[in-house]
Every structure is written in C-alpha cells, then in structure tokens.
Protein backbone atom coordinates (compact mmCIF):
# COMPACT_ATOMS: atom_id res chain seq x y z
CA VAL A 1 26.08 51.95 -35.13
CA ALA A 2 25.31 48.45 -33.89
CA VAL A 3 23.12 48.19 -30.84
CA PRO A 4 23.68 45.03 -28.77
CA LEU A 5 20.58 42.92 -28.27
CA PRO A 6 19.60 42.16 -24.70
CA GLN A 7 20.78 38.75 -23.58
CA PRO A 8 18.31 36.38 -21.90
CA ALA A 9 18.84 35.89 -18.20
CA ALA A 10 20.95 32.88 -17.37
CA GLN A 11 18.76 29.95 -16.41
CA LYS A 12 19.74 27.68 -13.61
CA ALA A 13 20.27 24.17 -14.88
CA PRO A 14 18.06 21.62 -13.13
CA GLY A 15 19.83 19.28 -10.75
CA PRO A 16 20.39 15.69 -11.73
CA ALA A 17 17.41 13.38 -11.47
CA PRO A 18 17.74 10.69 -8.83
CA PHE A 19 19.16 7.49 -10.25
CA VAL A 20 16.50 4.80 -10.53
CA PRO A 21 17.79 1.56 -12.05
CA ALA A 22 15.28 0.23 -14.57
CA THR A 23 15.88 -3.34 -13.46
CA GLN A 24 15.45 -2.81 -9.73
CA PRO A 25 11.95 -3.64 -8.55
CA PHE A 26 10.29 -1.38 -6.02
CA GLY A 27 7.87 -2.27 -3.28
CA LEU A 28 5.18 -0.74 -1.14
CA GLY A 29 7.13 -0.47 2.10
CA ILE A 30 4.67 -2.57 4.07
CA LEU A 31 5.90 -4.83 6.87
CA TRP A 32 3.99 -8.10 6.83
CA MET A 33 3.51 -10.91 9.30
CA VAL A 34 2.20 -14.32 8.29
CA ARG A 35 -0.73 -15.77 10.24
CA ASN A 36 -2.29 -19.08 9.09
CA ASP A 37 -0.79 -18.60 5.60
CA LYS A 38 -2.33 -15.11 5.34
CA LEU A 39 -0.36 -11.87 5.07
CA VAL A 40 -1.30 -9.34 7.75
CA ILE A 41 0.01 -5.76 7.84
CA ALA A 42 2.33 -5.39 10.83
CA GLY A 43 3.68 -1.89 10.08
CA PHE A 44 5.18 0.46 7.52
CA MET A 45 8.70 1.38 6.44
CA PRO A 46 9.87 5.01 6.30
CA GLY A 47 8.93 6.52 2.94
CA SER A 48 6.04 4.14 2.34
CA LYS A 49 2.86 5.67 0.90
CA ALA A 50 0.73 2.72 2.07
CA ARG A 51 -0.56 4.40 5.23
CA ASP A 52 -1.47 7.55 3.26
CA ALA A 53 -3.40 5.30 0.83
CA GLY A 54 -5.47 3.94 3.72
CA ALA A 55 -3.62 0.76 4.74
CA ARG A 56 -3.87 -0.11 8.43
CA GLN A 57 -2.09 -2.45 10.78
CA GLY A 58 -4.09 -5.66 11.02
CA ASP A 59 -5.41 -5.54 7.44
CA ILE A 60 -5.39 -9.01 5.83
CA LEU A 61 -4.25 -9.22 2.21
CA ARG A 62 -6.98 -10.64 -0.04
CA ALA A 63 -5.73 -9.78 -3.56
CA VAL A 64 -2.85 -8.09 -5.40
CA ASP A 65 -3.84 -6.33 -8.63
CA GLN A 66 -7.09 -8.33 -8.68
CA ARG A 67 -5.31 -11.70 -8.26
CA ASP A 68 -6.69 -13.58 -5.27
CA VAL A 69 -3.96 -14.57 -2.80
CA LEU A 70 -6.02 -15.97 0.09
CA ALA A 71 -5.45 -19.58 -1.01
CA LEU A 72 -1.67 -19.21 -1.46
CA LYS A 73 0.51 -21.03 1.05
CA THR A 74 3.68 -19.89 2.78
CA GLY A 75 6.81 -21.53 1.37
CA PRO A 76 9.25 -23.68 3.34
CA ASP A 77 11.51 -20.64 3.77
CA GLY A 78 8.68 -18.70 5.46
CA SER A 79 8.08 -16.36 2.53
CA HIS A 80 4.63 -15.84 1.07
CA PRO A 81 4.24 -15.90 -2.75
CA ALA A 82 2.11 -12.72 -2.68
CA GLN A 83 5.10 -10.68 -1.49
CA SER A 84 6.84 -10.90 -4.87
CA MET A 85 3.56 -10.04 -6.63
CA MET A 86 3.65 -6.60 -5.00
CA LEU A 87 7.01 -5.65 -6.56
CA GLY A 88 7.20 -3.63 -9.77
CA PRO A 89 8.63 -0.61 -11.58
CA HIS A 90 9.34 2.60 -9.69
CA ASN A 91 6.29 4.81 -9.12
CA SER A 92 3.86 2.27 -10.61
CA ILE A 93 0.56 1.58 -8.87
CA CYS A 94 -0.21 -1.65 -7.05
CA VAL A 95 -3.80 -2.25 -6.00
CA LEU A 96 -4.19 -4.25 -2.81
CA SER A 97 -7.54 -5.62 -1.72
CA VAL A 98 -7.57 -6.14 2.02
CA LEU A 99 -9.97 -7.48 4.58
CA ARG A 100 -10.51 -5.23 7.57
CA ALA A 101 -12.35 -5.89 10.82
CA ASP A 102 -15.24 -3.51 11.43
CA ILE A 103 -14.55 -2.30 14.97
CA ASN A 104 -17.73 -0.22 15.05
CA SER A 105 -19.91 -3.30 14.81
CA ASN A 106 -21.13 -5.48 17.68
CA ASP A 107 -20.19 -8.59 15.67
CA THR A 108 -16.81 -9.14 14.17
CA LYS A 109 -17.30 -8.50 10.46
CA LEU A 110 -14.63 -8.34 7.81
CA GLY A 111 -15.15 -5.72 5.13
CA GLY A 112 -13.22 -5.36 1.90
CA VAL A 113 -11.15 -2.29 1.08
CA ASP A 114 -9.19 -1.59 -2.12
CA LEU A 115 -6.00 0.47 -1.83
CA ALA A 116 -3.98 1.98 -4.70
CA ILE A 117 -0.37 2.35 -3.52
CA ARG A 118 2.70 3.64 -5.39
CA ARG A 119 5.76 1.42 -5.50
CA ILE A 120 8.49 3.78 -4.30
CA VAL A 121 10.52 1.84 -1.72
CA PRO A 122 13.63 0.24 -3.28
CA THR A 123 13.96 -3.48 -2.69
CA SER A 124 17.48 -2.79 -1.39
CA ASP A 125 15.88 -0.90 1.53
CA MET A 126 13.30 -3.62 2.03
CA ASN A 127 15.85 -6.45 2.14
CA ALA A 128 17.03 -5.09 5.48
CA THR A 129 13.59 -6.10 6.79
CA THR A 130 12.87 -9.58 5.54
CA ALA A 131 9.08 -9.40 5.82
CA ALA A 132 8.69 -6.22 3.76
CA SER A 133 6.98 -5.93 0.37
C-alpha cells in the first residue's frame, strides 16, 4: 500500500521588485541654493536620507566624493557643476564634505563635516525642483 508523502506548505511568491532603470541616475534629494558660487543646503525632498545622515540647512558644500568643489563657478544657466557630481546609481553612497557654522562658539567658525548619503531619489522626481541634487 502506497503512503502519500506530506507535501510542503505552499510558499507565497515574493512580490515584484520595484523597477529601477539601470541608466537613470539617482540623487540625494537635497534642495540647494547658490550663494557667491557656493552650494548651500536650502532643504530636503521627501524620501531623502540626507537629513538622517546629518545634513543641515545652511551647510555649505565643500567636496563631493573627495573632489573639492569650492572653486567651481555657477554656469550661465544658473546651475552649479557640483550638482551633477552628486548623481549616481541607485542606492550608491555619495560622500559630501560640508562646512558648518559653529553656533555654540562666540566667534563664527566653520567646521568640516563629512556625510555619507545614499542616492535614492530618482532624477525624475528631482527635475520638478530645479535646484535639487
């Protein structure tokens, strides 16, 4: 007499992974303003991990992935060359070095802070806000 073997419990198939085009660059979701050819953080887009990484409004961009950007000039169209340097593959890390005013000091001192931020904001979302990177 044949005895049927127990069947494994049906496993739920995982849902589809979100579509991430390989060619679409992603950004940090930081809103920038340009002051005297310097990029200054003005705010953050929804979904950005920059604030969680320690970025603050008023931080001045000093370097992107160890490339100094302080001497770069704003183009005739108002864009800053450092903005494109912050774009990259989805979920990759971009290291920003920023200058930050020390508000706990009696003198105005700028200290350096390095921030590792994941690129997760699609450029299609950022294009709605022209100053985003």
